[in-house]
Amino acid sequence: MDETADWFGNWNDIADTAVSAVLFYIFIVFLVRLTGKRSTSQLNNFDWIINITVGSLAASGILLDSVPALRALVAISVIMALQYLLTRAVLKFDWLAQLIKASPTMLTHKGEYLDEAMRETRISEEEICSALREHGLTDPADANWVVLETDGRMTVIPRKELALQDAETMGNVDAPADIREKDTA
């Protein structure tokens, strides 16, 4: 029994892989153009998971003999169609948006770490300090707020005399009730 690895395969397998790769590439470009830019964006965790799923299905259809290319193409089409329909439905139905979409979470407030929010989101002080440094800040007190966005990025809003209620873009951010009620510039 020959135990050596088959690093080369055969020319038919190589040609099949090349043709499948081209087919999948064209098909995915077509679907992205059809369904819109959001199909390949990383706007939130759900979009990210869909991108990984499509990539995995494409790789399976290109490389695995046990997965016919047509089955992988159909699976990608269904996933992309479901994502398109879901994102349209989320815009129409608020209850669905609340069910599907995560909310941004406030992690610091005017230099104070919000321990409960950090615990719930599993974000450490070191990670917040890293985000502050990326924005050129050296002290947590130099930021009004640090917010964990729905796509996993941290947004740092520099310190200014501004109350949370007066910051229009902070309206949908999860923040402790006492901060929302009492925050003044």
N, C-alpha and C. Protein backbone atom coordinates (compact mmCIF):
# COMPACT_ATOMS: atom_id res chain seq x y z
N MET A 1 0.84 -1.17 0.00
CA MET A 1 0.00 0.00 0.00
C MET A 1 0.89 1.25 0.00
N ASP A 2 0.67 2.14 -0.93
CA ASP A 2 1.49 3.35 -1.06
C ASP A 2 0.94 4.45 -0.15
N GLU A 3 1.76 4.88 0.82
CA GLU A 3 1.36 5.88 1.80
C GLU A 3 1.81 7.30 1.41
N THR A 4 2.43 7.47 0.27
CA THR A 4 2.93 8.79 -0.11
C THR A 4 1.78 9.73 -0.42
N ALA A 5 2.01 11.00 -0.14
CA ALA A 5 0.98 12.01 -0.39
C ALA A 5 0.86 12.28 -1.88
N ASP A 6 -0.35 12.53 -2.32
CA ASP A 6 -0.60 12.88 -3.71
C ASP A 6 -0.67 14.40 -3.81
N TRP A 7 0.51 15.03 -3.96
CA TRP A 7 0.59 16.48 -3.97
C TRP A 7 0.13 17.09 -5.28
N PHE A 8 0.19 16.33 -6.33
CA PHE A 8 -0.09 16.88 -7.66
C PHE A 8 -1.51 16.57 -8.12
N GLY A 9 -2.03 15.40 -7.83
CA GLY A 9 -3.33 15.00 -8.37
C GLY A 9 -3.17 14.61 -9.82
N ASN A 10 -4.13 15.01 -10.63
CA ASN A 10 -4.00 14.78 -12.06
C ASN A 10 -4.52 16.01 -12.80
N TRP A 11 -4.22 16.04 -14.08
CA TRP A 11 -4.57 17.23 -14.86
C TRP A 11 -6.07 17.46 -14.92
N ASN A 12 -6.85 16.41 -14.93
CA ASN A 12 -8.31 16.58 -14.96
C ASN A 12 -8.81 17.28 -13.69
N ASP A 13 -8.26 16.87 -12.54
CA ASP A 13 -8.65 17.51 -11.27
C ASP A 13 -8.25 18.98 -11.26
N ILE A 14 -7.07 19.27 -11.75
CA ILE A 14 -6.58 20.65 -11.78
C ILE A 14 -7.44 21.50 -12.71
N ALA A 15 -7.76 20.98 -13.88
CA ALA A 15 -8.61 21.71 -14.82
C ALA A 15 -10.01 21.91 -14.24
N ASP A 16 -10.54 20.88 -13.59
CA ASP A 16 -11.86 20.98 -12.95
C ASP A 16 -11.86 22.07 -11.87
N THR A 17 -10.81 22.13 -11.07
CA THR A 17 -10.70 23.14 -10.02
C THR A 17 -10.63 24.54 -10.64
N ALA A 18 -9.84 24.70 -11.68
CA ALA A 18 -9.71 26.01 -12.34
C ALA A 18 -11.03 26.47 -12.94
N VAL A 19 -11.72 25.58 -13.63
CA VAL A 19 -13.00 25.94 -14.25
C VAL A 19 -14.03 26.26 -13.16
N SER A 20 -14.07 25.46 -12.10
CA SER A 20 -15.01 25.71 -11.01
C SER A 20 -14.72 27.05 -10.33
N ALA A 21 -13.45 27.37 -10.12
CA ALA A 21 -13.09 28.63 -9.48
C ALA A 21 -13.56 29.81 -10.31
N VAL A 22 -13.36 29.75 -11.62
CA VAL A 22 -13.81 30.82 -12.51
C VAL A 22 -15.33 30.93 -12.47
N LEU A 23 -16.02 29.79 -12.54
CA LEU A 23 -17.48 29.77 -12.51
C LEU A 23 -18.00 30.40 -11.21
N PHE A 24 -17.46 29.98 -10.08
CA PHE A 24 -17.90 30.52 -8.79
C PHE A 24 -17.58 32.00 -8.67
N TYR A 25 -16.43 32.41 -9.14
CA TYR A 25 -16.07 33.83 -9.10
C TYR A 25 -17.09 34.67 -9.86
N ILE A 26 -17.37 34.29 -11.08
CA ILE A 26 -18.34 35.03 -11.91
C ILE A 26 -19.71 35.03 -11.26
N PHE A 27 -20.12 33.88 -10.75
CA PHE A 27 -21.43 33.75 -10.13
C PHE A 27 -21.55 34.64 -8.89
N ILE A 28 -20.55 34.63 -8.03
CA ILE A 28 -20.60 35.44 -6.81
C ILE A 28 -20.57 36.93 -7.14
N VAL A 29 -19.76 37.34 -8.11
CA VAL A 29 -19.74 38.75 -8.54
C VAL A 29 -21.13 39.14 -9.05
N PHE A 30 -21.75 38.28 -9.84
CA PHE A 30 -23.10 38.54 -10.36
C PHE A 30 -24.10 38.68 -9.20
N LEU A 31 -24.06 37.75 -8.24
CA LEU A 31 -25.00 37.81 -7.12
C LEU A 31 -24.80 39.06 -6.27
N VAL A 32 -23.56 39.45 -6.05
CA VAL A 32 -23.29 40.65 -5.26
C VAL A 32 -23.83 41.88 -5.98
N ARG A 33 -23.65 41.94 -7.28
CA ARG A 33 -24.19 43.07 -8.05
C ARG A 33 -25.72 43.07 -8.00
N LEU A 34 -26.31 41.88 -8.02
CA LEU A 34 -27.76 41.74 -8.00
C LEU A 34 -28.34 42.10 -6.63
N THR A 35 -27.72 41.65 -5.56
CA THR A 35 -28.27 41.85 -4.21
C THR A 35 -27.77 43.11 -3.53
N GLY A 36 -26.74 43.72 -4.04
CA GLY A 36 -26.28 44.99 -3.47
C GLY A 36 -25.01 44.84 -2.65
N LYS A 37 -24.42 45.98 -2.33
CA LYS A 37 -23.14 46.03 -1.63
C LYS A 37 -23.19 45.40 -0.25
N ARG A 38 -24.33 45.46 0.38
CA ARG A 38 -24.43 44.92 1.73
C ARG A 38 -24.12 43.43 1.77
N SER A 39 -24.31 42.75 0.67
CA SER A 39 -24.08 41.30 0.62
C SER A 39 -22.66 40.92 1.00
N THR A 40 -21.71 41.79 0.77
CA THR A 40 -20.32 41.46 1.09
C THR A 40 -19.75 42.38 2.17
N SER A 41 -20.60 43.18 2.78
CA SER A 41 -20.09 44.07 3.82
C SER A 41 -20.06 43.34 5.15
N GLN A 42 -19.40 43.96 6.09
CA GLN A 42 -19.38 43.41 7.45
C GLN A 42 -20.02 44.44 8.37
N LEU A 43 -21.33 44.64 8.14
CA LEU A 43 -22.04 45.65 8.90
C LEU A 43 -22.37 45.20 10.32
N ASN A 44 -22.56 43.92 10.50
CA ASN A 44 -22.85 43.40 11.84
C ASN A 44 -22.46 41.93 11.87
N ASN A 45 -22.66 41.30 13.00
CA ASN A 45 -22.27 39.90 13.14
C ASN A 45 -22.99 39.00 12.15
N PHE A 46 -24.26 39.28 11.91
CA PHE A 46 -25.04 38.46 10.99
C PHE A 46 -24.45 38.52 9.57
N ASP A 47 -24.12 39.73 9.11
CA ASP A 47 -23.52 39.87 7.78
C ASP A 47 -22.19 39.13 7.69
N TRP A 48 -21.41 39.20 8.76
CA TRP A 48 -20.12 38.53 8.79
C TRP A 48 -20.30 37.01 8.65
N ILE A 49 -21.25 36.46 9.37
CA ILE A 49 -21.52 35.02 9.32
C ILE A 49 -21.96 34.60 7.92
N ILE A 50 -22.78 35.43 7.28
CA ILE A 50 -23.23 35.12 5.92
C ILE A 50 -22.03 35.09 4.97
N ASN A 51 -21.12 36.04 5.11
CA ASN A 51 -19.93 36.07 4.25
C ASN A 51 -19.09 34.82 4.42
N ILE A 52 -18.91 34.38 5.66
CA ILE A 52 -18.15 33.16 5.92
C ILE A 52 -18.86 31.95 5.30
N THR A 53 -20.17 31.89 5.44
CA THR A 53 -20.95 30.78 4.89
C THR A 53 -20.82 30.71 3.38
N VAL A 54 -20.95 31.85 2.72
CA VAL A 54 -20.83 31.87 1.25
C VAL A 54 -19.43 31.44 0.83
N GLY A 55 -18.41 31.91 1.53
CA GLY A 55 -17.04 31.51 1.21
C GLY A 55 -16.83 30.01 1.39
N SER A 56 -17.38 29.47 2.45
CA SER A 56 -17.25 28.04 2.71
C SER A 56 -17.97 27.21 1.64
N LEU A 57 -19.16 27.65 1.27
CA LEU A 57 -19.90 26.94 0.22
C LEU A 57 -19.17 26.99 -1.12
N ALA A 58 -18.61 28.16 -1.44
CA ALA A 58 -17.85 28.28 -2.68
C ALA A 58 -16.64 27.37 -2.67
N ALA A 59 -15.90 27.37 -1.57
CA ALA A 59 -14.72 26.50 -1.47
C ALA A 59 -15.11 25.03 -1.60
N SER A 60 -16.22 24.65 -0.98
CA SER A 60 -16.67 23.26 -1.08
C SER A 60 -17.00 22.89 -2.52
N GLY A 61 -17.70 23.78 -3.21
CA GLY A 61 -18.07 23.50 -4.60
C GLY A 61 -16.87 23.47 -5.54
N ILE A 62 -15.83 24.22 -5.21
CA ILE A 62 -14.64 24.27 -6.06
C ILE A 62 -13.74 23.07 -5.81
N LEU A 63 -13.54 22.70 -4.55
CA LEU A 63 -12.50 21.72 -4.22
C LEU A 63 -12.99 20.31 -3.88
N LEU A 64 -14.20 20.17 -3.39
CA LEU A 64 -14.64 18.86 -2.93
C LEU A 64 -15.39 18.09 -4.02
N ASP A 65 -14.93 16.90 -4.30
CA ASP A 65 -15.61 16.06 -5.28
C ASP A 65 -16.98 15.63 -4.78
N SER A 66 -17.15 15.57 -3.46
CA SER A 66 -18.42 15.11 -2.89
C SER A 66 -19.51 16.18 -2.94
N VAL A 67 -19.15 17.42 -3.31
CA VAL A 67 -20.14 18.50 -3.40
C VAL A 67 -20.19 18.98 -4.85
N PRO A 68 -21.23 18.59 -5.57
CA PRO A 68 -21.35 19.07 -6.96
C PRO A 68 -21.44 20.59 -7.00
N ALA A 69 -20.80 21.17 -8.00
CA ALA A 69 -20.77 22.62 -8.12
C ALA A 69 -22.17 23.22 -8.17
N LEU A 70 -23.10 22.57 -8.86
CA LEU A 70 -24.46 23.10 -8.96
C LEU A 70 -25.13 23.18 -7.59
N ARG A 71 -24.91 22.17 -6.74
CA ARG A 71 -25.49 22.21 -5.39
C ARG A 71 -24.92 23.37 -4.58
N ALA A 72 -23.63 23.61 -4.70
CA ALA A 72 -23.02 24.73 -3.98
C ALA A 72 -23.55 26.06 -4.52
N LEU A 73 -23.72 26.17 -5.84
CA LEU A 73 -24.26 27.40 -6.43
C LEU A 73 -25.69 27.65 -5.95
N VAL A 74 -26.49 26.61 -5.89
CA VAL A 74 -27.86 26.75 -5.40
C VAL A 74 -27.86 27.17 -3.93
N ALA A 75 -27.01 26.56 -3.13
CA ALA A 75 -26.92 26.91 -1.71
C ALA A 75 -26.52 28.37 -1.53
N ILE A 76 -25.53 28.83 -2.29
CA ILE A 76 -25.11 30.23 -2.22
C ILE A 76 -26.26 31.15 -2.62
N SER A 77 -26.98 30.79 -3.68
CA SER A 77 -28.12 31.60 -4.14
C SER A 77 -29.18 31.71 -3.06
N VAL A 78 -29.49 30.60 -2.41
CA VAL A 78 -30.51 30.61 -1.36
C VAL A 78 -30.06 31.47 -0.19
N ILE A 79 -28.81 31.30 0.25
CA ILE A 79 -28.28 32.09 1.37
C ILE A 79 -28.32 33.58 1.04
N MET A 80 -27.87 33.95 -0.15
CA MET A 80 -27.87 35.36 -0.54
C MET A 80 -29.30 35.90 -0.64
N ALA A 81 -30.22 35.12 -1.17
CA ALA A 81 -31.62 35.55 -1.28
C ALA A 81 -32.23 35.73 0.11
N LEU A 82 -31.94 34.79 1.02
CA LEU A 82 -32.45 34.91 2.39
C LEU A 82 -31.88 36.15 3.08
N GLN A 83 -30.60 36.41 2.87
CA GLN A 83 -30.00 37.60 3.47
C GLN A 83 -30.66 38.86 2.92
N TYR A 84 -30.87 38.89 1.61
CA TYR A 84 -31.51 40.05 1.00
C TYR A 84 -32.92 40.26 1.56
N LEU A 85 -33.70 39.19 1.62
CA LEU A 85 -35.06 39.28 2.14
C LEU A 85 -35.09 39.68 3.60
N LEU A 86 -34.19 39.13 4.39
CA LEU A 86 -34.14 39.46 5.81
C LEU A 86 -33.77 40.93 6.03
N THR A 87 -32.80 41.43 5.30
CA THR A 87 -32.41 42.83 5.48
C THR A 87 -33.53 43.77 5.03
N ARG A 88 -34.28 43.38 4.01
CA ARG A 88 -35.44 44.18 3.60
C ARG A 88 -36.52 44.15 4.67
N ALA A 89 -36.77 42.97 5.24
CA ALA A 89 -37.79 42.82 6.28
C ALA A 89 -37.41 43.58 7.55
N VAL A 90 -36.13 43.60 7.88
CA VAL A 90 -35.67 44.32 9.07
C VAL A 90 -35.95 45.82 8.93
N LEU A 91 -35.84 46.34 7.72
CA LEU A 91 -36.15 47.75 7.49
C LEU A 91 -37.64 48.05 7.65
N LYS A 92 -38.46 47.05 7.39
CA LYS A 92 -39.92 47.23 7.41
C LYS A 92 -40.53 46.96 8.78
N PHE A 93 -40.00 45.99 9.52
CA PHE A 93 -40.60 45.57 10.78
C PHE A 93 -39.64 45.82 11.95
N ASP A 94 -40.02 46.75 12.82
CA ASP A 94 -39.16 47.09 13.97
C ASP A 94 -38.95 45.90 14.89
N TRP A 95 -39.97 45.08 15.10
CA TRP A 95 -39.83 43.94 16.01
C TRP A 95 -38.78 42.97 15.50
N LEU A 96 -38.71 42.82 14.18
CA LEU A 96 -37.71 41.93 13.59
C LEU A 96 -36.31 42.54 13.72
N ALA A 97 -36.22 43.83 13.55
CA ALA A 97 -34.93 44.52 13.71
C ALA A 97 -34.42 44.32 15.13
N GLN A 98 -35.29 44.44 16.12
CA GLN A 98 -34.87 44.25 17.50
C GLN A 98 -34.45 42.81 17.76
N LEU A 99 -35.09 41.87 17.11
CA LEU A 99 -34.77 40.46 17.27
C LEU A 99 -33.43 40.12 16.61
N ILE A 100 -33.16 40.64 15.45
CA ILE A 100 -32.01 40.27 14.64
C ILE A 100 -30.77 41.12 14.92
N LYS A 101 -30.96 42.43 15.01
CA LYS A 101 -29.81 43.33 15.08
C LYS A 101 -29.37 43.57 16.52
N ALA A 102 -28.08 43.59 16.70
CA ALA A 102 -27.51 43.96 17.99
C ALA A 102 -27.48 45.48 18.09
N SER A 103 -27.41 45.98 19.30
CA SER A 103 -27.29 47.43 19.52
C SER A 103 -25.86 47.74 19.90
N PRO A 104 -25.39 48.92 19.52
CA PRO A 104 -24.07 49.35 20.01
C PRO A 104 -24.12 49.46 21.53
N THR A 105 -22.99 49.25 22.19
CA THR A 105 -22.94 49.27 23.65
C THR A 105 -21.88 50.25 24.13
N MET A 106 -22.28 51.12 25.04
CA MET A 106 -21.35 52.07 25.64
C MET A 106 -20.47 51.31 26.63
N LEU A 107 -19.14 51.48 26.48
CA LEU A 107 -18.18 50.81 27.35
C LEU A 107 -17.53 51.75 28.37
N THR A 108 -17.40 53.02 28.00
CA THR A 108 -16.90 54.01 28.94
C THR A 108 -17.78 55.24 28.84
N HIS A 109 -17.82 55.98 29.94
CA HIS A 109 -18.58 57.22 29.99
C HIS A 109 -17.72 58.27 30.68
N LYS A 110 -17.26 59.24 29.89
CA LYS A 110 -16.44 60.34 30.40
C LYS A 110 -15.31 59.85 31.30
N GLY A 111 -14.59 58.85 30.80
CA GLY A 111 -13.40 58.36 31.50
C GLY A 111 -13.65 57.21 32.45
N GLU A 112 -14.89 56.88 32.73
CA GLU A 112 -15.20 55.78 33.66
C GLU A 112 -15.57 54.53 32.88
N TYR A 113 -14.93 53.43 33.25
CA TYR A 113 -15.24 52.16 32.64
C TYR A 113 -16.60 51.68 33.15
N LEU A 114 -17.42 51.17 32.25
CA LEU A 114 -18.73 50.62 32.62
C LEU A 114 -18.57 49.11 32.75
N ASP A 115 -18.28 48.68 33.98
CA ASP A 115 -17.91 47.28 34.24
C ASP A 115 -18.95 46.28 33.78
N GLU A 116 -20.23 46.56 34.02
CA GLU A 116 -21.27 45.61 33.63
C GLU A 116 -21.31 45.44 32.11
N ALA A 117 -21.24 46.54 31.38
CA ALA A 117 -21.24 46.47 29.92
C ALA A 117 -20.01 45.74 29.41
N MET A 118 -18.87 45.98 30.06
CA MET A 118 -17.63 45.30 29.66
C MET A 118 -17.73 43.80 29.91
N ARG A 119 -18.34 43.42 31.03
CA ARG A 119 -18.52 42.00 31.33
C ARG A 119 -19.44 41.33 30.31
N GLU A 120 -20.56 41.99 30.03
CA GLU A 120 -21.54 41.43 29.09
C GLU A 120 -20.97 41.27 27.68
N THR A 121 -20.12 42.20 27.28
CA THR A 121 -19.56 42.16 25.92
C THR A 121 -18.20 41.47 25.87
N ARG A 122 -17.68 41.10 27.05
CA ARG A 122 -16.39 40.43 27.17
C ARG A 122 -15.25 41.28 26.58
N ILE A 123 -15.29 42.57 26.91
CA ILE A 123 -14.25 43.51 26.47
C ILE A 123 -13.45 43.92 27.70
N SER A 124 -12.13 43.88 27.57
CA SER A 124 -11.26 44.21 28.70
C SER A 124 -10.83 45.68 28.64
N GLU A 125 -10.32 46.16 29.77
CA GLU A 125 -9.77 47.52 29.82
C GLU A 125 -8.64 47.68 28.82
N GLU A 126 -7.82 46.63 28.67
CA GLU A 126 -6.70 46.68 27.73
C GLU A 126 -7.19 46.91 26.30
N GLU A 127 -8.29 46.26 25.93
CA GLU A 127 -8.82 46.45 24.57
C GLU A 127 -9.36 47.86 24.39
N ILE A 128 -9.98 48.41 25.43
CA ILE A 128 -10.46 49.79 25.34
C ILE A 128 -9.27 50.75 25.24
N CYS A 129 -8.24 50.50 26.04
CA CYS A 129 -7.03 51.35 25.97
C CYS A 129 -6.42 51.30 24.57
N SER A 130 -6.43 50.14 23.96
CA SER A 130 -5.92 50.00 22.59
C SER A 130 -6.72 50.88 21.63
N ALA A 131 -8.05 50.86 21.77
CA ALA A 131 -8.90 51.69 20.90
C ALA A 131 -8.63 53.17 21.16
N LEU A 132 -8.42 53.53 22.40
CA LEU A 132 -8.10 54.93 22.72
C LEU A 132 -6.79 55.35 22.06
N ARG A 133 -5.77 54.48 22.16
CA ARG A 133 -4.47 54.79 21.54
C ARG A 133 -4.61 54.93 20.03
N GLU A 134 -5.41 54.06 19.42
CA GLU A 134 -5.61 54.15 17.96
C GLU A 134 -6.16 55.51 17.56
N HIS A 135 -6.89 56.14 18.47
CA HIS A 135 -7.47 57.45 18.20
C HIS A 135 -6.62 58.59 18.77
N GLY A 136 -5.39 58.27 19.18
CA GLY A 136 -4.46 59.29 19.65
C GLY A 136 -4.73 59.78 21.06
N LEU A 137 -5.52 59.03 21.83
CA LEU A 137 -5.82 59.44 23.20
C LEU A 137 -4.99 58.61 24.17
N THR A 138 -4.52 59.25 25.22
CA THR A 138 -3.65 58.56 26.18
C THR A 138 -4.30 58.34 27.53
N ASP A 139 -5.48 58.90 27.73
CA ASP A 139 -6.16 58.77 29.02
C ASP A 139 -7.64 58.51 28.74
N PRO A 140 -8.26 57.55 29.43
CA PRO A 140 -9.69 57.30 29.22
C PRO A 140 -10.55 58.55 29.44
N ALA A 141 -10.10 59.46 30.28
CA ALA A 141 -10.86 60.69 30.53
C ALA A 141 -10.86 61.62 29.32
N ASP A 142 -10.00 61.34 28.34
CA ASP A 142 -9.97 62.16 27.12
C ASP A 142 -11.09 61.81 26.15
N ALA A 143 -11.87 60.78 26.49
CA ALA A 143 -12.99 60.37 25.63
C ALA A 143 -14.30 60.58 26.36
N ASN A 144 -15.28 61.15 25.64
CA ASN A 144 -16.63 61.21 26.21
C ASN A 144 -17.16 59.78 26.36
N TRP A 145 -17.02 59.01 25.28
CA TRP A 145 -17.54 57.65 25.28
C TRP A 145 -16.68 56.75 24.40
N VAL A 146 -16.63 55.48 24.77
CA VAL A 146 -16.12 54.43 23.89
C VAL A 146 -17.30 53.48 23.69
N VAL A 147 -17.60 53.20 22.43
CA VAL A 147 -18.78 52.41 22.09
C VAL A 147 -18.35 51.18 21.29
N LEU A 148 -18.83 50.02 21.71
CA LEU A 148 -18.64 48.79 20.93
C LEU A 148 -19.74 48.75 19.89
N GLU A 149 -19.35 48.86 18.62
CA GLU A 149 -20.32 48.89 17.52
C GLU A 149 -20.81 47.48 17.19
N THR A 150 -21.86 47.39 16.38
CA THR A 150 -22.46 46.10 16.05
C THR A 150 -21.55 45.22 15.20
N ASP A 151 -20.55 45.81 14.57
CA ASP A 151 -19.62 45.01 13.76
C ASP A 151 -18.36 44.64 14.53
N GLY A 152 -18.32 44.95 15.83
CA GLY A 152 -17.19 44.58 16.67
C GLY A 152 -16.11 45.64 16.80
N ARG A 153 -16.20 46.72 16.03
CA ARG A 153 -15.23 47.80 16.16
C ARG A 153 -15.56 48.65 17.39
N MET A 154 -14.56 49.34 17.90
CA MET A 154 -14.81 50.29 18.99
C MET A 154 -14.67 51.70 18.45
N THR A 155 -15.69 52.50 18.70
CA THR A 155 -15.68 53.90 18.32
C THR A 155 -15.34 54.73 19.54
N VAL A 156 -14.42 55.67 19.36
CA VAL A 156 -14.02 56.57 20.44
C VAL A 156 -14.50 57.96 20.09
N ILE A 157 -15.30 58.54 20.99
CA ILE A 157 -15.80 59.89 20.78
C ILE A 157 -15.03 60.80 21.74
N PRO A 158 -14.19 61.69 21.18
CA PRO A 158 -13.33 62.54 22.02
C PRO A 158 -14.14 63.41 22.99
N ARG A 159 -13.50 63.78 24.05
CA ARG A 159 -14.13 64.54 25.12
C ARG A 159 -14.47 65.94 24.65
N LYS A 160 -15.70 66.34 24.91
CA LYS A 160 -16.16 67.71 24.75
C LYS A 160 -17.32 67.91 25.70
N GLU A 161 -17.64 69.11 25.95
CA GLU A 161 -18.73 69.40 26.89
C GLU A 161 -20.05 69.13 26.17
N LEU A 162 -20.46 67.88 26.22
CA LEU A 162 -21.66 67.45 25.51
C LEU A 162 -22.34 66.38 26.36
N ALA A 163 -23.62 66.56 26.59
CA ALA A 163 -24.39 65.57 27.34
C ALA A 163 -24.84 64.46 26.39
N LEU A 164 -25.02 63.28 26.93
CA LEU A 164 -25.45 62.13 26.13
C LEU A 164 -26.75 62.43 25.40
N GLN A 165 -27.67 63.10 26.07
CA GLN A 165 -28.97 63.41 25.45
C GLN A 165 -28.83 64.34 24.26
N ASP A 166 -27.75 65.11 24.21
CA ASP A 166 -27.55 66.06 23.13
C ASP A 166 -26.77 65.48 21.96
N ALA A 167 -26.32 64.23 22.10
CA ALA A 167 -25.54 63.58 21.04
C ALA A 167 -26.49 62.72 20.21
N GLU A 168 -26.89 63.24 19.08
CA GLU A 168 -27.90 62.59 18.25
C GLU A 168 -27.54 61.16 17.86
N THR A 169 -26.28 60.89 17.57
CA THR A 169 -25.88 59.55 17.12
C THR A 169 -25.80 58.55 18.26
N MET A 170 -26.00 58.98 19.48
CA MET A 170 -25.90 58.07 20.63
C MET A 170 -27.26 57.54 21.06
N GLY A 171 -28.32 57.90 20.36
CA GLY A 171 -29.68 57.52 20.75
C GLY A 171 -29.94 56.03 20.79
N ASN A 172 -29.31 55.25 19.92
CA ASN A 172 -29.57 53.79 19.88
C ASN A 172 -28.50 52.98 20.61
N VAL A 173 -27.62 53.65 21.33
CA VAL A 173 -26.54 52.97 22.04
C VAL A 173 -27.05 52.49 23.39
N ASP A 174 -26.78 51.21 23.70
CA ASP A 174 -27.12 50.69 25.02
C ASP A 174 -26.23 51.37 26.05
N ALA A 175 -26.87 52.07 26.98
CA ALA A 175 -26.14 52.77 28.05
C ALA A 175 -26.93 52.58 29.33
N PRO A 176 -26.25 52.55 30.46
CA PRO A 176 -26.97 52.42 31.73
C PRO A 176 -28.01 53.53 31.90
N ALA A 177 -29.15 53.16 32.46
CA ALA A 177 -30.26 54.11 32.62
C ALA A 177 -29.86 55.33 33.44
N ASP A 178 -29.05 55.12 34.49
CA ASP A 178 -28.66 56.27 35.31
C ASP A 178 -27.83 57.28 34.52
N ILE A 179 -27.05 56.82 33.57
CA ILE A 179 -26.28 57.75 32.73
C ILE A 179 -27.21 58.50 31.80
N ARG A 180 -28.16 57.80 31.20
CA ARG A 180 -29.12 58.46 30.30
C ARG A 180 -29.92 59.53 31.05
N GLU A 181 -30.30 59.25 32.29
CA GLU A 181 -31.14 60.17 33.05
C GLU A 181 -30.37 61.36 33.62
N LYS A 182 -29.14 61.12 34.05
CA LYS A 182 -28.42 62.15 34.80
C LYS A 182 -27.33 62.87 34.03
N ASP A 183 -26.96 62.36 32.87
CA ASP A 183 -25.80 62.92 32.16
C ASP A 183 -26.05 64.36 31.75
N THR A 184 -25.16 65.20 32.19
CA THR A 184 -25.16 66.60 31.77
C THR A 184 -23.75 66.96 31.33
N ALA A 185 -23.65 67.95 30.54
CA ALA A 185 -22.35 68.36 30.04
C ALA A 185 -21.50 68.74 31.21
